[in-house]
Amino acid sequence: MSITAAAEYSRGVVSCPVLVALLLLATSAALLGEALDAAYIPARAVVWGGLAMAAYGYGLLCVTLAVRGTGQGLGTWRLGRGRR
C-alpha cells in the first residue's frame, strides 16, 4: 500500500451505501418499536411491522452493496430464470 493510499484509507470517509444501510436499519428498529407499541390495534401493528420489514430488507440490500461493491443491485439478480 502506498503512502497516498494509506492516507486516503485513514481519512475516515464512509461510503454512501454504508450510511444509508445504517439509517435504514435504525429506521427499521424504530418502526418495530412503533409496531410493538400499537399491538393493541392489530391493523396498525401490521402496517408498522410491514414498514419495519421493508426498511430492514432495504437496509440489508445496502449492506450487501457496501460489502460487495457496485453491480450487486436488483437489476443484476437472476430472479425467475433457470440455469442455462
Protein backbone atom coordinates (compact mmCIF):
# COMPACT_ATOMS: atom_id res chain seq x y z
CA MET A 1 0.00 0.00 0.00
CA SER A 2 1.44 3.35 -0.98
CA ILE A 3 1.53 6.37 1.30
CA THR A 4 -1.19 8.09 -0.71
CA ALA A 5 -3.48 5.08 -0.49
CA ALA A 6 -2.84 4.78 3.24
CA ALA A 7 -3.67 8.45 3.73
CA GLU A 8 -6.89 8.06 1.75
CA TYR A 9 -7.81 4.97 3.73
CA SER A 10 -7.21 6.56 7.11
CA ARG A 11 -9.19 9.68 6.29
CA GLY A 12 -12.34 8.10 7.71
CA VAL A 13 -14.57 8.61 4.69
CA VAL A 14 -17.64 6.39 4.86
CA SER A 15 -19.32 5.36 1.64
CA CYS A 16 -22.90 6.28 0.87
CA PRO A 17 -24.31 2.71 0.97
CA VAL A 18 -22.95 2.25 4.50
CA LEU A 19 -24.65 5.42 5.72
CA VAL A 20 -27.91 4.50 4.00
CA ALA A 21 -27.74 0.98 5.45
CA LEU A 22 -27.21 2.30 8.97
CA LEU A 23 -30.04 4.79 8.55
CA LEU A 24 -32.44 2.12 7.23
CA LEU A 25 -31.55 -0.37 9.95
CA ALA A 26 -32.08 2.28 12.64
CA THR A 27 -35.37 3.22 11.00
CA SER A 28 -36.48 -0.40 10.99
CA ALA A 29 -35.74 -0.65 14.72
CA ALA A 30 -37.82 2.48 15.38
CA LEU A 31 -40.67 1.19 13.24
CA LEU A 32 -40.56 -2.13 15.07
CA GLY A 33 -40.92 -0.22 18.31
CA GLU A 34 -43.97 1.54 16.89
CA ALA A 35 -45.41 -1.82 15.84
CA LEU A 36 -44.95 -3.21 19.32
CA ASP A 37 -46.43 -0.06 20.83
CA ALA A 38 -49.51 -0.34 18.57
CA ALA A 39 -50.04 -4.04 19.29
CA TYR A 40 -53.46 -3.38 20.82
CA ILE A 41 -54.73 -2.30 17.36
CA PRO A 42 -53.86 -5.17 15.01
CA ALA A 43 -54.27 -3.23 11.76
CA ARG A 44 -51.83 -0.54 12.86
CA ALA A 45 -49.38 -3.13 14.17
CA VAL A 46 -49.43 -4.90 10.81
CA VAL A 47 -48.78 -1.65 8.93
CA TRP A 48 -45.92 -0.60 11.22
CA GLY A 49 -44.49 -4.12 11.12
CA GLY A 50 -44.65 -4.20 7.33
CA LEU A 51 -42.85 -0.89 7.10
CA ALA A 52 -40.23 -2.17 9.55
CA MET A 53 -39.69 -5.29 7.45
CA ALA A 54 -39.36 -3.23 4.26
CA ALA A 55 -36.81 -0.89 5.86
CA TYR A 56 -34.88 -3.87 7.21
CA GLY A 57 -34.84 -5.57 3.80
CA TYR A 58 -33.60 -2.46 2.04
CA GLY A 59 -31.03 -1.98 4.81
CA LEU A 60 -29.68 -5.47 4.20
CA LEU A 61 -29.58 -4.77 0.47
CA CYS A 62 -27.50 -1.65 1.14
CA VAL A 63 -25.17 -3.66 3.40
CA THR A 64 -24.70 -6.15 0.56
CA LEU A 65 -24.00 -3.29 -1.83
CA ALA A 66 -21.47 -1.77 0.59
CA VAL A 67 -19.66 -5.06 1.14
CA ARG A 68 -19.58 -6.37 -2.42
CA GLY A 69 -19.32 -3.07 -4.27
CA THR A 70 -21.27 -1.84 -7.24
CA GLY A 71 -23.05 -4.13 -9.65
CA GLN A 72 -24.94 -6.02 -6.96
CA GLY A 73 -28.30 -4.27 -7.31
CA LEU A 74 -31.61 -5.93 -8.04
CA GLY A 75 -31.12 -5.42 -11.78
CA THR A 76 -28.26 -7.95 -11.84
CA TRP A 77 -30.04 -10.64 -9.85
CA ARG A 78 -31.30 -13.61 -11.83
CA LEU A 79 -34.74 -13.99 -10.32
CA GLY A 80 -37.01 -16.49 -12.01
CA ARG A 81 -34.51 -17.58 -14.61
CA GLY A 82 -33.26 -21.12 -14.59
CA ARG A 83 -29.66 -22.12 -15.13
CA ARG A 84 -28.64 -22.33 -18.74
